């Protein structure tokens, strides 16, 4: 059996050979950030809460195998060459986090009115 045949398949005869390469494709992992404000009042005081939400998408990886058939003269033969697509595997589940910051405006007698 020609080296690489277990992965790539059989060749026309034992004088042929395989050039095997591996290509790793990574997708996902993008980060997005959004913010929103929430104004609340307690008595005469106002609170401005700002929320920042950061989301990181899951990351996936796929390892593809390229099997290039070489004839006895060492020339590439595309008729026997092939690419085997690997399975998409999650390597990072991603995450989401929220951060809250608050600003307080104190209102009352002898102070600026809350408006």
PDB file of N, CA and C in Angstrom:
ATOM      1  N   UNK A   1       0.852  -1.178   0.000  1.00  0.00           N
ATOM      2  CA  UNK A   1       0.000   0.000   0.000  1.00  0.00           C
ATOM      3  C   UNK A   1       0.897   1.240   0.000  1.00  0.00           C
ATOM      4  N   UNK A   2       0.548   2.207  -0.821  1.00  0.00           N
ATOM      5  CA  UNK A   2       1.293   3.456  -0.924  1.00  0.00           C
ATOM      6  C   UNK A   2       1.014   4.305   0.311  1.00  0.00           C
ATOM      7  N   UNK A   3       2.063   4.942   0.837  1.00  0.00           N
ATOM      8  CA  UNK A   3       1.894   5.808   2.010  1.00  0.00           C
ATOM      9  C   UNK A   3       0.868   6.896   1.705  1.00  0.00           C
ATOM     10  N   UNK A   4      -0.059   7.104   2.609  1.00  0.00           N
ATOM     11  CA  UNK A   4      -1.120   8.090   2.430  1.00  0.00           C
ATOM     12  C   UNK A   4      -2.409   7.479   1.922  1.00  0.00           C
ATOM     13  N   UNK A   5      -2.358   6.220   1.452  1.00  0.00           N
ATOM     14  CA  UNK A   5      -3.552   5.584   0.891  1.00  0.00           C
ATOM     15  C   UNK A   5      -4.632   5.342   1.935  1.00  0.00           C
ATOM     16  N   UNK A   6      -4.236   5.121   3.179  1.00  0.00           N
ATOM     17  CA  UNK A   6      -5.236   4.909   4.231  1.00  0.00           C
ATOM     18  C   UNK A   6      -6.116   6.144   4.388  1.00  0.00           C
ATOM     19  N   UNK A   7      -5.543   7.316   4.167  1.00  0.00           N
ATOM     20  CA  UNK A   7      -6.288   8.568   4.270  1.00  0.00           C
ATOM     21  C   UNK A   7      -6.907   8.957   2.938  1.00  0.00           C
ATOM     22  N   UNK A   8      -6.117   8.866   1.870  1.00  0.00           N
ATOM     23  CA  UNK A   8      -6.509   9.432   0.580  1.00  0.00           C
ATOM     24  C   UNK A   8      -7.134   8.438  -0.387  1.00  0.00           C
ATOM     25  N   UNK A   9      -6.927   7.168  -0.184  1.00  0.00           N
ATOM     26  CA  UNK A   9      -7.461   6.173  -1.106  1.00  0.00           C
ATOM     27  C   UNK A   9      -6.357   5.526  -1.930  1.00  0.00           C
ATOM     28  N   UNK A  10      -6.754   4.581  -2.748  1.00  0.00           N
ATOM     29  CA  UNK A  10      -5.787   3.836  -3.554  1.00  0.00           C
ATOM     30  C   UNK A  10      -5.411   4.611  -4.810  1.00  0.00           C
ATOM     31  N   UNK A  11      -4.197   4.383  -5.266  1.00  0.00           N
ATOM     32  CA  UNK A  11      -3.690   4.966  -6.507  1.00  0.00           C
ATOM     33  C   UNK A  11      -3.640   3.878  -7.580  1.00  0.00           C
ATOM     34  N   UNK A  12      -3.448   4.271  -8.863  1.00  0.00           N
ATOM     35  CA  UNK A  12      -3.433   3.277  -9.940  1.00  0.00           C
ATOM     36  C   UNK A  12      -2.434   2.137  -9.729  1.00  0.00           C
ATOM     37  N   UNK A  13      -1.248   2.437  -9.180  1.00  0.00           N
ATOM     38  CA  UNK A  13      -0.285   1.371  -8.873  1.00  0.00           C
ATOM     39  C   UNK A  13       0.714   1.887  -7.847  1.00  0.00           C
ATOM     40  N   UNK A  14       1.599   1.009  -7.407  1.00  0.00           N
ATOM     41  CA  UNK A  14       2.517   1.348  -6.316  1.00  0.00           C
ATOM     42  C   UNK A  14       3.620   2.324  -6.719  1.00  0.00           C
ATOM     43  N   UNK A  15       3.740   2.641  -8.000  1.00  0.00           N
ATOM     44  CA  UNK A  15       4.752   3.616  -8.437  1.00  0.00           C
ATOM     45  C   UNK A  15       4.268   5.055  -8.240  1.00  0.00           C
ATOM     46  N   UNK A  16       2.974   5.221  -8.038  1.00  0.00           N
ATOM     47  CA  UNK A  16       2.416   6.538  -7.782  1.00  0.00           C
ATOM     48  C   UNK A  16       2.639   6.881  -6.306  1.00  0.00           C
ATOM     49  N   UNK A  17       2.462   8.160  -5.983  1.00  0.00           N
ATOM     50  CA  UNK A  17       2.598   8.570  -4.582  1.00  0.00           C
ATOM     51  C   UNK A  17       1.612   9.691  -4.268  1.00  0.00           C
ATOM     52  N   UNK A  18       1.436   9.901  -2.988  1.00  0.00           N
ATOM     53  CA  UNK A  18       0.564  10.977  -2.503  1.00  0.00           C
ATOM     54  C   UNK A  18       1.408  12.100  -1.905  1.00  0.00           C
ATOM     55  N   UNK A  19       1.014  13.329  -2.185  1.00  0.00           N
ATOM     56  CA  UNK A  19       1.510  14.493  -1.451  1.00  0.00           C
ATOM     57  C   UNK A  19       0.317  14.945  -0.607  1.00  0.00           C
ATOM     58  N   UNK A  20       0.422  14.784   0.697  1.00  0.00           N
ATOM     59  CA  UNK A  20      -0.700  15.058   1.595  1.00  0.00           C
ATOM     60  C   UNK A  20      -0.419  16.339   2.370  1.00  0.00           C
ATOM     61  N   UNK A  21      -1.405  17.252   2.364  1.00  0.00           N
ATOM     62  CA  UNK A  21      -1.258  18.482   3.149  1.00  0.00           C
ATOM     63  C   UNK A  21      -2.542  18.713   3.947  1.00  0.00           C
ATOM     64  N   UNK A  22      -2.387  19.423   5.038  1.00  0.00           N
ATOM     65  CA  UNK A  22      -3.497  19.702   5.946  1.00  0.00           C
ATOM     66  C   UNK A  22      -3.700  21.206   6.014  1.00  0.00           C
ATOM     67  N   UNK A  23      -4.955  21.618   5.907  1.00  0.00           N
ATOM     68  CA  UNK A  23      -5.298  23.038   5.947  1.00  0.00           C
ATOM     69  C   UNK A  23      -6.335  23.244   7.045  1.00  0.00           C
ATOM     70  N   UNK A  24      -5.993  24.053   8.028  1.00  0.00           N
ATOM     71  CA  UNK A  24      -6.913  24.330   9.130  1.00  0.00           C
ATOM     72  C   UNK A  24      -7.652  25.633   8.852  1.00  0.00           C
ATOM     73  N   UNK A  25      -8.970  25.559   8.885  1.00  0.00           N
ATOM     74  CA  UNK A  25      -9.823  26.724   8.665  1.00  0.00           C
ATOM     75  C   UNK A  25     -10.510  27.042   9.990  1.00  0.00           C
ATOM     76  N   UNK A  26     -10.388  28.280  10.436  1.00  0.00           N
ATOM     77  CA  UNK A  26     -11.025  28.717  11.680  1.00  0.00           C
ATOM     78  C   UNK A  26     -12.028  29.814  11.346  1.00  0.00           C
ATOM     79  N   UNK A  27     -13.250  29.674  11.844  1.00  0.00           N
ATOM     80  CA  UNK A  27     -14.270  30.697  11.626  1.00  0.00           C
ATOM     81  C   UNK A  27     -14.923  31.043  12.960  1.00  0.00           C
ATOM     82  N   UNK A  28     -15.547  32.218  12.991  1.00  0.00           N
ATOM     83  CA  UNK A  28     -16.241  32.663  14.196  1.00  0.00           C
ATOM     84  C   UNK A  28     -15.309  33.426  15.113  1.00  0.00           C
ATOM     85  N   UNK A  29     -15.709  33.534  16.365  1.00  0.00           N
ATOM     86  CA  UNK A  29     -14.902  34.237  17.351  1.00  0.00           C
ATOM     87  C   UNK A  29     -15.013  35.749  17.271  1.00  0.00           C
ATOM     88  N   UNK A  30     -15.948  36.229  16.444  1.00  0.00           N
ATOM     89  CA  UNK A  30     -16.102  37.680  16.308  1.00  0.00           C
ATOM     90  C   UNK A  30     -16.652  38.278  17.603  1.00  0.00           C
ATOM     91  N   UNK A  31     -16.219  39.487  17.899  1.00  0.00           N
ATOM     92  CA  UNK A  31     -16.645  40.184  19.109  1.00  0.00           C
ATOM     93  C   UNK A  31     -17.524  41.369  18.732  1.00  0.00           C
ATOM     94  N   UNK A  32     -18.626  41.522  19.432  1.00  0.00           N
ATOM     95  CA  UNK A  32     -19.482  42.692  19.234  1.00  0.00           C
ATOM     96  C   UNK A  32     -19.796  43.303  20.596  1.00  0.00           C
ATOM     97  N   UNK A  33     -19.943  44.612  20.598  1.00  0.00           N
ATOM     98  CA  UNK A  33     -20.232  45.343  21.831  1.00  0.00           C
ATOM     99  C   UNK A  33     -21.410  46.272  21.583  1.00  0.00           C
ATOM    100  N   UNK A  34     -22.334  46.305  22.515  1.00  0.00           N
ATOM    101  CA  UNK A  34     -23.454  47.238  22.430  1.00  0.00           C
ATOM    102  C   UNK A  34     -23.662  47.867  23.803  1.00  0.00           C
ATOM    103  N   UNK A  35     -24.206  49.067  23.791  1.00  0.00           N
ATOM    104  CA  UNK A  35     -24.489  49.760  25.051  1.00  0.00           C
ATOM    105  C   UNK A  35     -25.918  50.283  25.033  1.00  0.00           C
ATOM    106  N   UNK A  36     -26.490  50.384  26.204  1.00  0.00           N
ATOM    107  CA  UNK A  36     -27.794  51.022  26.339  1.00  0.00           C
ATOM    108  C   UNK A  36     -27.860  51.683  27.711  1.00  0.00           C
ATOM    109  N   UNK A  37     -28.672  52.729  27.800  1.00  0.00           N
ATOM    110  CA  UNK A  37     -28.823  53.497  29.034  1.00  0.00           C
ATOM    111  C   UNK A  37     -30.204  53.252  29.632  1.00  0.00           C
ATOM    112  N   UNK A  38     -30.251  53.351  30.944  1.00  0.00           N
ATOM    113  CA  UNK A  38     -31.507  53.211  31.667  1.00  0.00           C
ATOM    114  C   UNK A  38     -31.542  54.316  32.718  1.00  0.00           C
ATOM    115  N   UNK A  39     -32.545  55.175  32.638  1.00  0.00           N
ATOM    116  CA  UNK A  39     -32.689  56.271  33.599  1.00  0.00           C
ATOM    117  C   UNK A  39     -33.730  55.858  34.626  1.00  0.00           C
ATOM    118  N   UNK A  40     -33.365  55.957  35.891  1.00  0.00           N
ATOM    119  CA  UNK A  40     -34.325  55.634  36.942  1.00  0.00           C
ATOM    120  C   UNK A  40     -34.317  56.748  37.981  1.00  0.00           C
ATOM    121  N   UNK A  41     -35.434  56.891  38.655  1.00  0.00           N
ATOM    122  CA  UNK A  41     -35.598  57.929  39.665  1.00  0.00           C
ATOM    123  C   UNK A  41     -35.942  57.269  40.994  1.00  0.00           C
ATOM    124  N   UNK A  42     -35.290  57.753  42.044  1.00  0.00           N
ATOM    125  CA  UNK A  42     -35.592  57.288  43.397  1.00  0.00           C
ATOM    126  C   UNK A  42     -35.716  58.539  44.259  1.00  0.00           C
ATOM    127  N   UNK A  43     -36.936  58.846  44.645  1.00  0.00           N
ATOM    128  CA  UNK A  43     -37.161  60.092  45.385  1.00  0.00           C
ATOM    129  C   UNK A  43     -36.858  61.266  44.467  1.00  0.00           C
ATOM    130  N   UNK A  44     -36.000  62.172  44.931  1.00  0.00           N
ATOM    131  CA  UNK A  44     -35.617  63.329  44.113  1.00  0.00           C
ATOM    132  C   UNK A  44     -34.358  63.061  43.301  1.00  0.00           C
ATOM    133  N   UNK A  45     -33.774  61.922  43.477  1.00  0.00           N
ATOM    134  CA  UNK A  45     -32.507  61.626  42.806  1.00  0.00           C
ATOM    135  C   UNK A  45     -32.734  60.843  41.516  1.00  0.00           C
ATOM    136  N   UNK A  46     -31.841  61.081  40.581  1.00  0.00           N
ATOM    137  CA  UNK A  46     -31.887  60.358  39.318  1.00  0.00           C
ATOM    138  C   UNK A  46     -30.611  59.535  39.170  1.00  0.00           C
ATOM    139  N   UNK A  47     -30.772  58.373  38.613  1.00  0.00           N
ATOM    140  CA  UNK A  47     -29.641  57.485  38.368  1.00  0.00           C
ATOM    141  C   UNK A  47     -29.614  57.147  36.883  1.00  0.00           C
ATOM    142  N   UNK A  48     -28.458  57.306  36.268  1.00  0.00           N
ATOM    143  CA  UNK A  48     -28.287  56.906  34.879  1.00  0.00           C
ATOM    144  C   UNK A  48     -27.378  55.681  34.878  1.00  0.00           C
ATOM    145  N   UNK A  49     -27.963  54.554  34.539  1.00  0.00           N
ATOM    146  CA  UNK A  49     -27.197  53.311  34.461  1.00  0.00           C
ATOM    147  C   UNK A  49     -26.860  53.047  32.999  1.00  0.00           C
ATOM    148  N   UNK A  50     -25.600  52.805  32.731  1.00  0.00           N
ATOM    149  CA  UNK A  50     -25.163  52.452  31.385  1.00  0.00           C
ATOM    150  C   UNK A  50     -24.705  51.003  31.403  1.00  0.00           C
ATOM    151  N   UNK A  51     -25.277  50.224  30.516  1.00  0.00           N
ATOM    152  CA  UNK A  51     -24.941  48.806  30.404  1.00  0.00           C
ATOM    153  C   UNK A  51     -24.136  48.587  29.123  1.00  0.00           C
ATOM    154  N   UNK A  52     -23.040  47.880  29.246  1.00  0.00           N
ATOM    155  CA  UNK A  52     -22.228  47.508  28.088  1.00  0.00           C
ATOM    156  C   UNK A  52     -22.240  45.988  27.988  1.00  0.00           C
ATOM    157  N   UNK A  53     -22.731  45.498  26.860  1.00  0.00           N
ATOM    158  CA  UNK A  53     -22.826  44.058  26.634  1.00  0.00           C
ATOM    159  C   UNK A  53     -21.786  43.670  25.580  1.00  0.00           C
ATOM    160  N   UNK A  54     -20.903  42.753  25.945  1.00  0.00           N
ATOM    161  CA  UNK A  54     -19.888  42.255  25.021  1.00  0.00           C
ATOM    162  C   UNK A  54     -20.182  40.789  24.731  1.00  0.00           C
ATOM    163  N   UNK A  55     -20.287  40.472  23.445  1.00  0.00           N
ATOM    164  CA  UNK A  55     -20.584  39.105  23.025  1.00  0.00           C
ATOM    165  C   UNK A  55     -19.466  38.602  22.126  1.00  0.00           C
ATOM    166  N   UNK A  56     -18.968  37.412  22.428  1.00  0.00           N
ATOM    167  CA  UNK A  56     -17.975  36.757  21.580  1.00  0.00           C
ATOM    168  C   UNK A  56     -18.633  35.505  21.008  1.00  0.00           C
ATOM    169  N   UNK A  57     -18.705  35.437  19.672  1.00  0.00           N
ATOM    170  CA  UNK A  57     -19.336  34.297  19.012  1.00  0.00           C
ATOM    171  C   UNK A  57     -18.496  33.032  19.197  1.00  0.00           C
ATOM    172  N   UNK A  58     -19.138  31.871  19.118  1.00  0.00           N
ATOM    173  CA  UNK A  58     -18.372  30.621  19.185  1.00  0.00           C
ATOM    174  C   UNK A  58     -17.341  30.545  18.051  1.00  0.00           C
ATOM    175  N   UNK A  59     -16.257  29.827  18.297  1.00  0.00           N
ATOM    176  CA  UNK A  59     -15.208  29.631  17.298  1.00  0.00           C
ATOM    177  C   UNK A  59     -15.203  28.167  16.877  1.00  0.00           C
ATOM    178  N   UNK A  60     -15.164  27.962  15.569  1.00  0.00           N
ATOM    179  CA  UNK A  60     -15.158  26.612  15.007  1.00  0.00           C
ATOM    180  C   UNK A  60     -13.892  26.402  14.192  1.00  0.00           C
ATOM    181  N   UNK A  61     -13.467  25.146  14.139  1.00  0.00           N
ATOM    182  CA  UNK A  61     -12.265  24.803  13.384  1.00  0.00           C
ATOM    183  C   UNK A  61     -12.561  23.577  12.523  1.00  0.00           C
ATOM    184  N   UNK A  62     -12.011  23.598  11.313  1.00  0.00           N
ATOM    185  CA  UNK A  62     -12.164  22.482  10.387  1.00  0.00           C
ATOM    186  C   UNK A  62     -10.796  22.183   9.791  1.00  0.00           C
ATOM    187  N   UNK A  63     -10.378  20.923   9.845  1.00  0.00           N
ATOM    188  CA  UNK A  63      -9.102  20.523   9.256  1.00  0.00           C
ATOM    189  C   UNK A  63      -9.407  19.753   7.975  1.00  0.00           C
ATOM    190  N   UNK A  64      -9.012  20.338   6.840  1.00  0.00           N
ATOM    191  CA  UNK A  64      -9.223  19.717   5.538  1.00  0.00           C
ATOM    192  C   UNK A  64      -7.924  19.064   5.078  1.00  0.00           C
ATOM    193  N   UNK A  65      -8.051  17.942   4.397  1.00  0.00           N
ATOM    194  CA  UNK A  65      -6.885  17.203   3.909  1.00  0.00           C
ATOM    195  C   UNK A  65      -6.873  17.285   2.386  1.00  0.00           C
ATOM    196  N   UNK A  66      -5.773  17.742   1.821  1.00  0.00           N
ATOM    197  CA  UNK A  66      -5.611  17.772   0.370  1.00  0.00           C
ATOM    198  C   UNK A  66      -4.679  16.636  -0.025  1.00  0.00           C
ATOM    199  N   UNK A  67      -5.190  15.755  -0.867  1.00  0.00           N
ATOM    200  CA  UNK A  67      -4.425  14.603  -1.348  1.00  0.00           C
ATOM    201  C   UNK A  67      -4.092  14.850  -2.817  1.00  0.00           C
ATOM    202  N   UNK A  68      -2.831  15.096  -3.097  1.00  0.00           N
ATOM    203  CA  UNK A  68      -2.390  15.352  -4.466  1.00  0.00           C
ATOM    204  C   UNK A  68      -1.689  14.100  -4.986  1.00  0.00           C
ATOM    205  N   UNK A  69      -2.241  13.536  -6.056  1.00  0.00           N
ATOM    206  CA  UNK A  69      -1.669  12.324  -6.644  1.00  0.00           C
ATOM    207  C   UNK A  69      -0.501  12.696  -7.550  1.00  0.00           C
ATOM    208  N   UNK A  70       0.614  11.974  -7.363  1.00  0.00           N
ATOM    209  CA  UNK A  70       1.802  12.180  -8.197  1.00  0.00           C
ATOM    210  C   UNK A  70       2.052  10.901  -8.986  1.00  0.00           C
ATOM    211  N   UNK A  71       2.165  11.061 -10.323  1.00  0.00           N
ATOM    212  CA  UNK A  71       2.422   9.883 -11.158  1.00  0.00           C
ATOM    213  C   UNK A  71       3.888   9.466 -11.024  1.00  0.00           C
ATOM    214  N   UNK A  72       4.301   8.364 -11.652  1.00  0.00           N
ATOM    215  CA  UNK A  72       5.684   7.892 -11.501  1.00  0.00           C
ATOM    216  C   UNK A  72       6.748   8.921 -11.905  1.00  0.00           C
ATOM    217  N   UNK A  73       6.390   9.874 -12.756  1.00  0.00           N
ATOM    218  CA  UNK A  73       7.335  10.919 -13.152  1.00  0.00           C
ATOM    219  C   UNK A  73       7.335  12.094 -12.165  1.00  0.00           C
ATOM    220  N   UNK A  74       6.503  12.028 -11.117  1.00  0.00           N
ATOM    221  CA  UNK A  74       6.436  13.084 -10.116  1.00  0.00           C
ATOM    222  C   UNK A  74       5.531  14.239 -10.510  1.00  0.00           C
ATOM    223  N   UNK A  75       4.756  14.048 -11.568  1.00  0.00           N
ATOM    224  CA  UNK A  75       3.839  15.100 -12.024  1.00  0.00           C
ATOM    225  C   UNK A  75       2.485  14.937 -11.334  1.00  0.00           C
ATOM    226  N   UNK A  76       1.849  16.065 -11.075  1.00  0.00           N
ATOM    227  CA  UNK A  76       0.532  16.058 -10.431  1.00  0.00           C
ATOM    228  C   UNK A  76      -0.507  15.514 -11.400  1.00  0.00           C
ATOM    229  N   UNK A  77      -1.343  14.635 -10.901  1.00  0.00           N
ATOM    230  CA  UNK A  77      -2.454  14.104 -11.680  1.00  0.00           C
ATOM    231  C   UNK A  77      -3.743  14.504 -10.973  1.00  0.00           C
ATOM    232  N   UNK A  78      -4.430  15.492 -11.536  1.00  0.00           N
ATOM    233  CA  UNK A  78      -5.636  16.020 -10.899  1.00  0.00           C
ATOM    234  C   UNK A  78      -6.798  15.035 -10.922  1.00  0.00           C
ATOM    235  N   UNK A  79      -6.794  14.096 -11.876  1.00  0.00           N
ATOM    236  CA  UNK A  79      -7.888  13.122 -11.947  1.00  0.00           C
ATOM    237  C   UNK A  79      -7.946  12.241 -10.702  1.00  0.00           C
ATOM    238  N   UNK A  80      -6.813  12.010 -10.081  1.00  0.00           N
ATOM    239  CA  UNK A  80      -6.770  11.158  -8.892  1.00  0.00           C
ATOM    240  C   UNK A  80      -6.628  11.962  -7.592  1.00  0.00           C
ATOM    241  N   UNK A  81      -6.429  13.266  -7.693  1.00  0.00           N
ATOM    242  CA  UNK A  81      -6.275  14.118  -6.507  1.00  0.00           C
ATOM    243  C   UNK A  81      -7.644  14.418  -5.911  1.00  0.00           C
ATOM    244  N   UNK A  82      -7.656  14.708  -4.626  1.00  0.00           N
ATOM    245  CA  UNK A  82      -8.930  14.970  -3.959  1.00  0.00           C
ATOM    246  C   UNK A  82      -8.710  15.811  -2.700  1.00  0.00           C
ATOM    247  N   UNK A  83      -9.779  16.409  -2.231  1.00  0.00           N
ATOM    248  CA  UNK A  83      -9.767  17.120  -0.951  1.00  0.00           C
ATOM    249  C   UNK A  83     -10.820  16.486  -0.057  1.00  0.00           C
ATOM    250  N   UNK A  84     -10.430  16.184   1.149  1.00  0.00           N
ATOM    251  CA  UNK A  84     -11.345  15.596   2.126  1.00  0.00           C
ATOM    252  C   UNK A  84     -11.651  16.674   3.160  1.00  0.00           C
ATOM    253  N   UNK A  85     -12.925  17.061   3.222  1.00  0.00           N
ATOM    254  CA  UNK A  85     -13.328  18.104   4.168  1.00  0.00           C
ATOM    255  C   UNK A  85     -13.501  17.504   5.558  1.00  0.00           C
ATOM    256  N   UNK A  86     -12.858  18.120   6.525  1.00  0.00           N
ATOM    257  CA  UNK A  86     -12.983  17.665   7.906  1.00  0.00           C
ATOM    258  C   UNK A  86     -14.283  18.145   8.519  1.00  0.00           C
ATOM    259  N   UNK A  87     -14.592  17.614   9.679  1.00  0.00           N
ATOM    260  CA  UNK A  87     -15.800  18.035  10.380  1.00  0.00           C
ATOM    261  C   UNK A  87     -15.548  19.343  11.112  1.00  0.00           C
ATOM    262  N   UNK A  88     -16.578  20.174  11.152  1.00  0.00           N
ATOM    263  CA  UNK A  88     -16.506  21.433  11.878  1.00  0.00           C
ATOM    264  C   UNK A  88     -16.596  21.115  13.369  1.00  0.00           C
ATOM    265  N   UNK A  89     -15.621  21.581  14.132  1.00  0.00           N
ATOM    266  CA  UNK A  89     -15.557  21.308  15.564  1.00  0.00           C
ATOM    267  C   UNK A  89     -15.516  22.624  16.332  1.00  0.00           C
ATOM    268  N   UNK A  90     -16.346  22.737  17.365  1.00  0.00           N
ATOM    269  CA  UNK A  90     -16.318  23.941  18.191  1.00  0.00           C
ATOM    270  C   UNK A  90     -15.089  23.877  19.099  1.00  0.00           C
ATOM    271  N   UNK A  91     -14.244  24.907  19.016  1.00  0.00           N
ATOM    272  CA  UNK A  91     -13.055  24.939  19.869  1.00  0.00           C
ATOM    273  C   UNK A  91     -13.180  25.970  20.984  1.00  0.00           C
ATOM    274  N   UNK A  92     -14.185  26.860  20.875  1.00  0.00           N
ATOM    275  CA  UNK A  92     -14.443  27.842  21.935  1.00  0.00           C
ATOM    276  C   UNK A  92     -15.929  28.173  21.884  1.00  0.00           C
ATOM    277  N   UNK A  93     -16.664  28.005  22.976  1.00  0.00           N
ATOM    278  CA  UNK A  93     -18.104  28.234  22.945  1.00  0.00           C
ATOM    279  C   UNK A  93     -18.509  29.708  22.897  1.00  0.00           C
ATOM    280  N   UNK A  94     -17.554  30.608  23.017  1.00  0.00           N
ATOM    281  CA  UNK A  94     -17.900  32.025  23.038  1.00  0.00           C
ATOM    282  C   UNK A  94     -18.387  32.438  24.415  1.00  0.00           C
ATOM    283  N   UNK A  95     -18.777  33.688  24.527  1.00  0.00           N
ATOM    284  CA  UNK A  95     -19.236  34.174  25.828  1.00  0.00           C
ATOM    285  C   UNK A  95     -20.016  35.469  25.654  1.00  0.00           C
ATOM    286  N   UNK A  96     -20.667  35.852  26.718  1.00  0.00           N
ATOM    287  CA  UNK A  96     -21.385  37.119  26.758  1.00  0.00           C
ATOM    288  C   UNK A  96     -21.230  37.682  28.164  1.00  0.00           C
ATOM    289  N   UNK A  97     -20.952  38.971  28.246  1.00  0.00           N
ATOM    290  CA  UNK A  97     -20.816  39.595  29.561  1.00  0.00           C
ATOM    291  C   UNK A  97     -21.480  40.965  29.536  1.00  0.00           C
ATOM    292  N   UNK A  98     -21.921  41.391  30.706  1.00  0.00           N
ATOM    293  CA  UNK A  98     -22.581  42.690  30.832  1.00  0.00           C
ATOM    294  C   UNK A  98     -21.924  43.456  31.972  1.00  0.00           C
ATOM    295  N   UNK A  99     -21.617  44.708  31.703  1.00  0.00           N
ATOM    296  CA  UNK A  99     -21.013  45.569  32.720  1.00  0.00           C
ATOM    297  C   UNK A  99     -21.928  46.775  32.920  1.00  0.00           C
ATOM    298  N   UNK A 100     -22.121  47.140  34.181  1.00  0.00           N
ATOM    299  CA  UNK A 100     -23.012  48.259  34.501  1.00  0.00           C
ATOM    300  C   UNK A 100     -22.208  49.354  35.178  1.00  0.00           C
ATOM    301  N   UNK A 101     -22.370  50.572  34.684  1.00  0.00           N
ATOM    302  CA  UNK A 101     -21.796  51.736  35.359  1.00  0.00           C
ATOM    303  C   UNK A 101     -22.946  52.685  35.671  1.00  0.00           C
ATOM    304  N   UNK A 102     -22.879  53.329  36.818  1.00  0.00           N
ATOM    305  CA  UNK A 102     -23.968  54.204  37.252  1.00  0.00           C
ATOM    306  C   UNK A 102     -23.447  55.602  37.540  1.00  0.00           C
ATOM    307  N   UNK A 103     -24.255  56.577  37.135  1.00  0.00           N
ATOM    308  CA  UNK A 103     -23.992  57.975  37.479  1.00  0.00           C
ATOM    309  C   UNK A 103     -25.185  58.447  38.298  1.00  0.00           C
ATOM    310  N   UNK A 104     -24.906  59.113  39.393  1.00  0.00           N
ATOM    311  CA  UNK A 104     -25.964  59.583  40.273  1.00  0.00           C
ATOM    312  C   UNK A 104     -26.017  61.097  40.203  1.00  0.00           C
ATOM    313  N   UNK A 105     -27.226  61.628  40.053  1.00  0.00           N
ATOM    314  CA  UNK A 105     -27.426  63.071  40.135  1.00  0.00           C
ATOM    315  C   UNK A 105     -28.318  63.303  41.349  1.00  0.00           C
ATOM    316  N   UNK A 106     -27.730  63.904  42.379  1.00  0.00           N
ATOM    317  CA  UNK A 106     -28.466  64.138  43.617  1.00  0.00           C
ATOM    318  C   UNK A 106     -29.237  65.440  43.473  1.00  0.00           C
ATOM    319  N   UNK A 107     -30.527  65.386  43.770  1.00  0.00           N
ATOM    320  CA  UNK A 107     -31.388  66.554  43.641  1.00  0.00           C
ATOM    321  C   UNK A 107     -32.025  66.844  45.003  1.00  0.00           C
ATOM    322  N   UNK A 108     -32.362  68.054  45.212  1.00  0.00           N
ATOM    323  CA  UNK A 108     -33.024  68.381  46.461  1.00  0.00           C
ATOM    324  C   UNK A 108     -32.920  69.866  46.741  1.00  0.00           C
ATOM    325  N   UNK A 109     -33.350  70.286  47.936  1.00  0.00           N
ATOM    326  CA  UNK A 109     -33.297  71.704  48.285  1.00  0.00           C
ATOM    327  C   UNK A 109     -31.868  72.231  48.183  1.00  0.00           C
ATOM    328  N   UNK A 110     -31.742  73.451  47.682  1.00  0.00           N
ATOM    329  CA  UNK A 110     -30.466  74.154  47.519  1.00  0.00           C
ATOM    330  C   UNK A 110     -29.534  73.472  46.509  1.00  0.00           C
ATOM    331  N   UNK A 111     -30.043  72.563  45.706  1.00  0.00           N
ATOM    332  CA  UNK A 111     -29.259  71.910  44.649  1.00  0.00           C
ATOM    333  C   UNK A 111     -29.936  72.151  43.311  1.00  0.00           C
ATOM    334  N   UNK A 112     -29.212  71.855  42.248  1.00  0.00           N
ATOM    335  CA  UNK A 112     -29.824  71.978  40.925  1.00  0.00           C
ATOM    336  C   UNK A 112     -31.016  71.045  40.829  1.00  0.00           C
ATOM    337  N   UNK A 113     -32.070  71.499  40.156  1.00  0.00           N
ATOM    338  CA  UNK A 113     -33.198  70.582  39.972  1.00  0.00           C
ATOM    339  C   UNK A 113     -32.807  69.468  38.995  1.00  0.00           C
ATOM    340  N   UNK A 114     -33.328  68.303  39.217  1.00  0.00           N
ATOM    341  CA  UNK A 114     -33.117  67.206  38.268  1.00  0.00           C
ATOM    342  C   UNK A 114     -34.034  67.444  37.082  1.00  0.00           C
ATOM    343  N   UNK A 115     -33.453  67.444  35.909  1.00  0.00           N
ATOM    344  CA  UNK A 115     -34.304  67.640  34.727  1.00  0.00           C
ATOM    345  C   UNK A 115     -33.803  66.805  33.591  1.00  0.00           C
TER     346      UNK A 115
END
